[in-house]
Amino acid sequence: MSNVFLKTSSLSVGYGEKVIIENVDINIEKGQIVTLIGPNGAGKSTILKTIIGQLPAISGSAELDGEPLEKIPRKEFAKKVSVLLTDRPNPELMTCEDVVAMGRYPHTGALGILNDDDQRIVDEAMDLIHVTELRDRDYMAISDGQRQRVMLARAICQEPELMILDEPTSFLDIRYKLELLSTLQDLARSKGMTVLMSLHEIDLAERVSDKIACIGNGKVDRFGPPEEIFTGDYIKQLYGLTVGSYDEVLGRVELPAITGKPQYFVMAGNGTGTRLFRSLQRLGIPFATGVLAENDLDYPVACSLASEVVSVPAFHKADEASIVRVSELLDECPTIVCTLNREQLEENGLSSLIERMNLEEPLEQ
């Protein structure tokens, strides 16, 4: 028996007769977290709005638990699916607790009166998202980040089988971003809740998602687990990066290197040089560095920011050729900075260069 919970088949989406994305074929199993990534304007939000019925599909279909979405009664749909889009409501004269409690309305009677069990679920959702202290505050009088968290509590309070979120980390600081994604993971694991969302933070998408759908060039360009998506220069191609770089292994971006003849030589390694590399980039100072093994923590950032990197293969110490090149750079660069201590230099095979270096203190971090 298939475990596919949400399925789109040859789905084409857009506005009116204008197609933005065509032939969207996505299968999501129950309890999976699937994230849409891609450049602004690629159509991520359009796909989500079409799935929830806010926009009509131009062609193709979408099914929830084997049933066409358009045939699911709206009240039943509201019980199964909670939605958080970037367009948030602006309720007048409602407390934050009132807004969260709206998530229980699909489960209440016609009058929307909450029973004791409903109130318990509201309290638990507010506590889970850390908005209990906002309970009696006017929803319209709190910050954007606080509103986002209140709306997240409302979506969770609904106890859905499927949660659809459009940029849920917008307005959240790093603490609440991590807490939100951790909460979604817990709900998916413990309650089998399925999550379909869009994210701009591709590093977070890589960490939290079971599968990722890459939206670009009018189609789902790739769909699969993160380890199949973040390979080679794919992210650079998907987003059309022309400035700076993105490390697909470590999931981090770097600004462009400062080109020109190196003014500093940085003797680094073991992760001791990364902050200094970024300091020099911010100051607009071209620099060279080495000797770095290709598995060294400093190596990826050095390759992005340095005008020259003297390197050796992974798990190798400095060889004669690399020491000769470092010696030349020591003569050429006006300033030499070492982020390694004597013991580390010796471990890396650089003891022959210790006496040659007129070391200065590293730049203030």
Protein backbone atom coordinates (compact mmCIF):
# COMPACT_ATOMS: atom_id res chain seq x y z
CA MET A 1 0.00 0.00 0.00
CA SER A 2 1.35 3.40 -0.99
CA ASN A 3 2.38 5.71 1.83
CA VAL A 4 2.05 8.82 -0.39
CA PHE A 5 -0.02 11.40 1.49
CA LEU A 6 0.19 14.44 -0.79
CA LYS A 7 0.61 13.98 -4.52
CA THR A 8 0.67 16.36 -7.48
CA SER A 9 0.44 15.04 -11.02
CA SER A 10 1.37 17.15 -14.06
CA LEU A 11 0.25 20.18 -12.07
CA SER A 12 0.62 23.51 -13.87
CA VAL A 13 0.17 26.67 -11.79
CA GLY A 14 0.00 30.38 -12.47
CA TYR A 15 -2.35 33.34 -12.64
CA GLY A 16 -5.23 33.37 -15.10
CA GLU A 17 -3.95 31.66 -18.21
CA LYS A 18 -0.31 32.55 -17.55
CA VAL A 19 1.64 29.44 -16.55
CA ILE A 20 4.49 30.04 -14.10
CA ILE A 21 5.39 26.44 -13.24
CA GLU A 22 4.29 23.42 -15.25
CA ASN A 23 4.32 19.66 -14.75
CA VAL A 24 4.81 19.73 -10.99
CA ASP A 25 5.10 16.07 -9.94
CA ILE A 26 5.74 15.74 -6.21
CA ASN A 27 5.02 12.77 -3.97
CA ILE A 28 5.16 13.40 -0.22
CA GLU A 29 4.87 10.58 2.29
CA LYS A 30 3.10 10.96 5.60
CA GLY A 31 5.40 12.39 8.25
CA GLN A 32 7.88 13.85 5.77
CA ILE A 33 9.14 17.43 5.70
CA VAL A 34 9.43 18.71 2.13
CA THR A 35 10.80 22.16 1.35
CA LEU A 36 10.55 24.27 -1.79
CA ILE A 37 13.64 26.36 -2.54
CA GLY A 38 14.53 28.60 -5.46
CA PRO A 39 15.04 32.24 -6.42
CA ASN A 40 12.50 34.99 -5.78
CA GLY A 41 9.66 34.92 -8.28
CA ALA A 42 10.28 31.30 -9.26
CA GLY A 43 6.76 30.24 -8.24
CA LYS A 44 7.15 28.61 -4.81
CA SER A 45 4.26 30.52 -3.25
CA THR A 46 2.14 29.95 -6.35
CA ILE A 47 2.50 26.19 -5.96
CA LEU A 48 1.48 26.35 -2.29
CA LYS A 49 -1.51 28.61 -2.99
CA THR A 50 -2.68 26.25 -5.73
CA ILE A 51 -2.44 23.20 -3.48
CA ILE A 52 -4.57 24.84 -0.79
CA GLY A 53 -7.13 25.99 -3.37
CA GLN A 54 -6.45 29.71 -3.11
CA LEU A 55 -5.53 29.66 -6.82
CA PRO A 56 -7.12 27.34 -9.39
CA ALA A 57 -4.84 24.84 -11.09
CA ILE A 58 -4.29 25.60 -14.77
CA SER A 59 -3.96 21.89 -15.47
CA GLY A 60 -3.11 18.67 -13.69
CA SER A 61 -4.22 17.60 -10.24
CA ALA A 62 -3.34 17.34 -6.57
CA GLU A 63 -4.48 14.65 -4.15
CA LEU A 64 -4.52 14.45 -0.37
CA ASP A 65 -4.52 10.92 1.01
CA GLY A 66 -5.75 9.61 -2.33
CA GLU A 67 -8.64 12.09 -2.69
CA PRO A 68 -8.61 14.98 -5.21
CA LEU A 69 -8.21 18.20 -3.24
CA GLU A 70 -11.07 19.97 -5.01
CA LYS A 71 -13.48 17.24 -3.86
CA ILE A 72 -12.62 17.54 -0.17
CA PRO A 73 -15.29 19.62 1.66
CA ARG A 74 -13.80 22.84 2.99
CA LYS A 75 -14.64 22.04 6.62
CA GLU A 76 -12.95 18.66 6.30
CA PHE A 77 -10.00 20.27 4.54
CA ALA A 78 -9.67 22.79 7.39
CA LYS A 79 -9.46 19.92 9.88
CA LYS A 80 -6.72 18.15 7.93
CA VAL A 81 -4.66 21.08 6.66
CA SER A 82 -3.34 24.17 8.42
CA VAL A 83 -1.90 27.00 6.37
CA LEU A 84 0.48 29.86 7.12
CA LEU A 85 1.13 32.18 4.19
CA THR A 86 3.12 35.39 4.00
CA ASP A 87 -0.15 37.37 3.84
CA ARG A 88 -1.26 37.43 7.46
CA PRO A 89 -4.71 38.50 8.71
CA ASN A 90 -5.10 41.78 10.57
CA PRO A 91 -7.76 41.04 13.19
CA GLU A 92 -9.06 44.03 15.12
CA LEU A 93 -9.52 43.95 18.88
CA MET A 94 -8.26 40.40 19.30
CA THR A 95 -5.72 39.18 21.82
CA CYS A 96 -2.95 36.82 20.81
CA GLU A 97 -4.78 34.01 22.60
CA ASP A 98 -7.91 34.77 20.54
CA VAL A 99 -5.87 34.48 17.34
CA VAL A 100 -4.29 31.17 18.37
CA ALA A 101 -7.71 29.83 19.39
CA MET A 102 -8.95 30.41 15.83
CA GLY A 103 -7.02 27.27 14.95
CA ARG A 104 -9.57 25.22 16.90
CA TYR A 105 -12.63 26.54 15.00
CA PRO A 106 -12.69 23.72 12.41
CA HIS A 107 -13.08 21.31 15.35
CA THR A 108 -15.78 23.24 17.28
CA GLY A 109 -19.49 23.64 16.78
CA ALA A 110 -21.20 26.36 14.77
CA LEU A 111 -20.75 28.92 17.55
CA GLY A 112 -17.01 28.31 17.80
CA ILE A 113 -17.13 27.73 21.56
CA LEU A 114 -14.02 26.06 22.95
CA ASN A 115 -14.39 23.23 25.44
CA ASP A 116 -11.82 22.33 28.07
CA ASP A 117 -9.92 20.06 25.66
CA ASP A 118 -9.76 22.82 23.04
CA GLN A 119 -8.42 25.26 25.63
CA ARG A 120 -5.77 22.76 26.67
CA ILE A 121 -4.62 22.42 23.07
CA VAL A 122 -4.48 26.22 22.71
CA ASP A 123 -2.39 26.49 25.88
CA GLU A 124 -0.02 23.74 24.74
CA ALA A 125 0.48 25.33 21.31
CA MET A 126 1.24 28.73 22.84
CA ASP A 127 3.68 27.15 25.27
CA LEU A 128 5.35 25.15 22.49
CA ILE A 129 6.02 28.28 20.41
CA HIS A 130 6.87 30.42 23.47
CA VAL A 131 4.08 32.97 23.07
CA THR A 132 2.29 32.32 26.38
CA GLU A 133 3.57 35.64 27.72
CA LEU A 134 1.76 37.36 24.83
CA ARG A 135 -1.57 35.75 25.73
CA ASP A 136 -3.39 38.96 26.70
CA ARG A 137 -1.57 41.33 24.34
CA ASP A 138 -3.39 42.99 21.44
CA TYR A 139 -2.32 41.07 18.33
CA MET A 140 -2.04 44.30 16.34
CA ALA A 141 0.27 45.86 18.95
CA ILE A 142 3.09 43.31 18.83
CA SER A 143 6.11 43.03 16.53
CA ASP A 144 6.21 41.23 13.19
CA GLY A 145 8.33 38.44 14.66
CA GLN A 146 5.90 37.98 17.53
CA ARG A 147 2.96 37.91 15.13
CA GLN A 148 4.69 35.23 13.09
CA ARG A 149 5.09 33.07 16.19
CA VAL A 150 1.46 33.59 17.19
CA MET A 151 0.33 32.49 13.72
CA LEU A 152 2.59 29.44 13.97
CA ALA A 153 0.95 28.57 17.29
CA ARG A 154 -2.44 28.91 15.61
CA ALA A 155 -1.39 26.54 12.81
CA ILE A 156 -0.12 23.96 15.32
CA CYS A 157 -3.20 24.39 17.51
CA GLN A 158 -5.27 23.18 14.55
CA GLU A 159 -3.66 19.72 14.96
CA PRO A 160 -3.44 19.17 11.21
CA GLU A 161 -2.31 16.12 9.30
CA LEU A 162 -0.64 18.45 6.78
CA MET A 163 0.91 21.83 7.49
CA ILE A 164 1.63 24.17 4.60
CA LEU A 165 3.95 27.07 5.41
CA ASP A 166 5.18 29.84 3.14
CA GLU A 167 8.44 31.28 4.45
CA PRO A 168 7.62 30.49 8.10
CA THR A 169 11.00 31.76 9.33
CA SER A 170 10.38 35.29 8.04
CA PHE A 171 10.82 37.88 10.82
CA LEU A 172 12.19 35.27 13.25
CA ASP A 173 15.58 35.62 14.89
CA ILE A 174 17.97 32.69 14.89
CA ARG A 175 16.69 31.34 18.22
CA TYR A 176 13.10 31.09 17.04
CA LYS A 177 14.06 29.83 13.59
CA LEU A 178 15.85 26.88 15.13
CA GLU A 179 13.09 26.28 17.68
CA LEU A 180 10.44 26.34 14.92
CA LEU A 181 12.25 23.86 12.70
CA SER A 182 13.00 21.61 15.66
CA THR A 183 9.31 21.70 16.59
CA LEU A 184 8.29 20.74 13.05
CA GLN A 185 10.73 17.82 13.17
CA ASP A 186 9.29 16.67 16.50
CA LEU A 187 5.71 16.87 15.20
CA ALA A 188 6.63 14.96 12.06
CA ARG A 189 8.38 12.23 14.06
CA SER A 190 6.00 11.89 16.99
CA LYS A 191 2.63 12.59 15.36
CA GLY A 192 3.28 11.79 11.71
CA MET A 193 2.42 15.33 10.66
CA THR A 194 3.40 16.11 7.07
CA VAL A 195 5.00 19.47 6.28
CA LEU A 196 5.25 21.27 2.95
CA MET A 197 6.93 24.66 3.14
CA SER A 198 9.07 27.17 1.31
CA LEU A 199 12.28 28.55 2.78
CA HIS A 200 14.81 31.16 1.70
CA GLU A 201 17.45 29.86 4.13
CA ILE A 202 18.79 27.01 2.05
CA ASP A 203 21.23 25.96 4.77
CA LEU A 204 18.28 25.36 7.12
CA ALA A 205 16.32 23.66 4.35
CA GLU A 206 19.19 21.24 3.87
CA ARG A 207 19.24 20.36 7.55
CA VAL A 208 15.52 19.96 8.28
CA SER A 209 14.07 18.50 5.06
CA ASP A 210 13.49 14.89 4.11
CA LYS A 211 13.15 16.02 0.50
CA ILE A 212 13.72 19.26 -1.35
CA ALA A 213 12.00 20.55 -4.47
CA CYS A 214 14.10 23.05 -6.42
CA ILE A 215 11.94 25.51 -8.31
CA GLY A 216 13.53 27.29 -11.26
CA ASN A 217 13.21 27.92 -14.97
CA GLY A 218 9.47 27.31 -14.92
CA LYS A 219 9.66 23.79 -13.50
CA VAL A 220 10.61 21.58 -10.59
CA ASP A 221 14.24 21.38 -11.60
CA ARG A 222 15.24 18.77 -8.99
CA PHE A 223 13.33 16.80 -6.38
CA GLY A 224 14.94 14.48 -3.87
CA PRO A 225 16.77 14.16 -0.54
CA PRO A 226 19.26 16.92 0.39
CA GLU A 227 22.29 14.75 -0.28
CA GLU A 228 21.19 14.48 -3.92
CA ILE A 229 20.33 18.17 -4.26
CA PHE A 230 23.35 19.90 -2.74
CA THR A 231 26.05 18.62 -5.06
CA GLY A 232 28.66 20.31 -7.24
CA ASP A 233 27.72 23.83 -8.31
CA TYR A 234 23.99 23.15 -8.54
CA ILE A 235 22.85 25.79 -6.02
CA LYS A 236 25.01 28.38 -7.77
CA GLN A 237 23.27 27.51 -11.03
CA LEU A 238 19.76 27.40 -9.52
CA TYR A 239 20.09 30.90 -8.03
CA GLY A 240 22.25 32.31 -10.80
CA LEU A 241 24.99 33.39 -8.40
CA THR A 242 27.36 35.85 -10.06
CA VAL A 243 28.87 37.34 -6.89
CA GLY A 244 30.43 35.42 -4.03
CA SER A 245 30.14 31.68 -3.53
CA TYR A 246 28.09 28.99 -1.81
CA ASP A 247 29.67 25.94 -0.20
CA GLU A 248 27.26 23.06 -0.84
CA VAL A 249 29.00 20.75 1.64
CA LEU A 250 29.04 23.13 4.59
CA GLY A 251 25.95 25.09 3.58
CA ARG A 252 27.41 28.59 3.87
CA VAL A 253 27.89 31.61 1.68
CA GLU A 254 30.94 33.81 1.28
CA LEU A 255 31.34 37.26 -0.22
CA PRO A 256 33.70 37.66 -3.19
CA ALA A 257 37.46 37.54 -2.70
CA ILE A 258 39.54 40.71 -2.80
CA THR A 259 41.70 40.37 -5.87
CA GLY A 260 45.19 41.76 -6.39
CA LYS A 261 48.69 41.13 -5.15
CA PRO A 262 48.55 39.69 -1.59
CA GLN A 263 49.36 42.23 1.11
CA TYR A 264 49.11 39.72 3.94
CA PHE A 265 50.29 36.16 4.21
CA VAL A 266 48.27 34.20 6.78
CA MET A 267 49.84 31.05 8.17
CA ALA A 268 46.66 29.24 9.20
CA GLY A 269 45.05 25.85 9.66
CA ASN A 270 42.86 23.77 11.97
CA GLY A 271 40.08 26.35 11.65
CA THR A 272 42.17 29.10 13.24
CA GLY A 273 42.24 31.36 10.19
CA THR A 274 38.60 31.62 9.07
CA ARG A 275 37.69 34.68 11.12
CA LEU A 276 40.86 36.45 10.06
CA PHE A 277 40.15 35.65 6.39
CA ARG A 278 36.75 37.32 6.72
CA SER A 279 38.25 40.29 8.58
CA LEU A 280 40.70 40.88 5.73
CA GLN A 281 37.90 40.57 3.15
CA ARG A 282 35.82 43.18 5.01
CA LEU A 283 38.85 45.49 5.09
CA GLY A 284 39.43 45.00 1.37
CA ILE A 285 42.93 43.54 1.85
CA PRO A 286 44.05 40.80 -0.58
CA PHE A 287 45.83 37.95 1.14
CA ALA A 288 47.38 34.54 0.56
CA THR A 289 47.39 31.61 2.94
CA GLY A 290 48.80 28.11 3.43
CA VAL A 291 49.88 25.47 3.81
CA LEU A 292 46.36 24.02 4.09
CA ALA A 293 45.37 20.41 3.62
CA GLU A 294 42.25 20.12 1.47
CA ASN A 295 40.33 18.68 4.42
CA ASP A 296 41.33 21.50 6.77
CA LEU A 297 38.52 23.54 8.35
CA ASP A 298 40.06 26.75 6.95
CA TYR A 299 40.34 25.43 3.39
CA PRO A 300 36.82 26.10 2.00
CA VAL A 301 36.75 29.71 3.23
CA ALA A 302 40.33 30.28 2.05
CA CYS A 303 39.40 29.08 -1.44
CA SER A 304 36.51 31.56 -1.50
CA LEU A 305 38.32 34.61 -0.10
CA ALA A 306 42.09 34.33 -0.65
CA SER A 307 43.86 35.50 -3.77
CA GLU A 308 46.11 32.43 -3.45
CA VAL A 309 45.91 29.25 -1.37
CA VAL A 310 48.94 27.00 -1.01
CA SER A 311 47.51 23.56 -0.39
CA VAL A 312 48.28 19.85 -0.21
CA PRO A 313 45.98 16.83 -0.54
CA ALA A 314 43.79 15.82 2.40
CA PHE A 315 45.58 14.30 5.40
CA HIS A 316 49.00 15.36 4.04
CA LYS A 317 51.58 17.58 5.72
CA ALA A 318 53.36 20.36 3.88
CA ASP A 319 55.67 19.02 1.16
CA GLU A 320 58.80 20.60 -0.34
CA ALA A 321 56.96 22.32 -3.20
CA SER A 322 54.41 23.93 -0.89
CA ILE A 323 57.11 25.11 1.52
CA VAL A 324 59.04 26.68 -1.37
CA ARG A 325 55.91 28.57 -2.49
CA VAL A 326 55.16 29.73 1.05
CA SER A 327 58.77 30.94 1.35
CA GLU A 328 58.30 33.02 -1.80
CA LEU A 329 55.06 34.52 -0.45
CA LEU A 330 56.74 35.33 2.85
CA ASP A 331 59.26 37.42 0.89
CA GLU A 332 56.57 39.06 -1.26
CA CYS A 333 53.94 39.97 1.34
CA PRO A 334 54.53 43.10 3.45
CA THR A 335 52.72 41.62 6.46
CA ILE A 336 52.82 38.10 7.88
CA VAL A 337 50.27 36.85 10.40
CA CYS A 338 50.28 33.40 12.01
CA THR A 339 47.17 31.97 13.67
CA LEU A 340 48.94 28.73 14.67
CA ASN A 341 51.13 28.14 17.68
CA ARG A 342 54.61 26.57 17.42
CA GLU A 343 53.30 23.07 18.18
CA GLN A 344 50.66 23.30 15.44
CA LEU A 345 53.21 24.55 12.94
CA GLU A 346 55.42 21.59 13.68
CA GLU A 347 52.48 19.17 13.38
CA ASN A 348 51.69 20.59 9.94
CA GLY A 349 55.27 20.13 8.76
CA LEU A 350 56.10 23.84 8.83
CA SER A 351 58.83 23.88 11.46
CA SER A 352 61.42 24.89 8.84
CA LEU A 353 59.57 28.20 8.34
CA ILE A 354 59.29 29.21 11.99
CA GLU A 355 62.52 31.19 12.10
CA ARG A 356 61.78 32.92 8.78
CA MET A 357 58.56 34.55 9.97
CA ASN A 358 58.54 37.97 11.56
CA LEU A 359 55.14 37.37 13.11
CA GLU A 360 52.63 40.06 13.96
CA GLU A 361 49.51 39.74 16.11
CA PRO A 362 46.39 38.69 14.17
CA LEU A 363 43.88 41.43 13.32
CA GLU A 364 41.34 42.08 16.03
CA GLN A 365 38.33 39.82 15.37
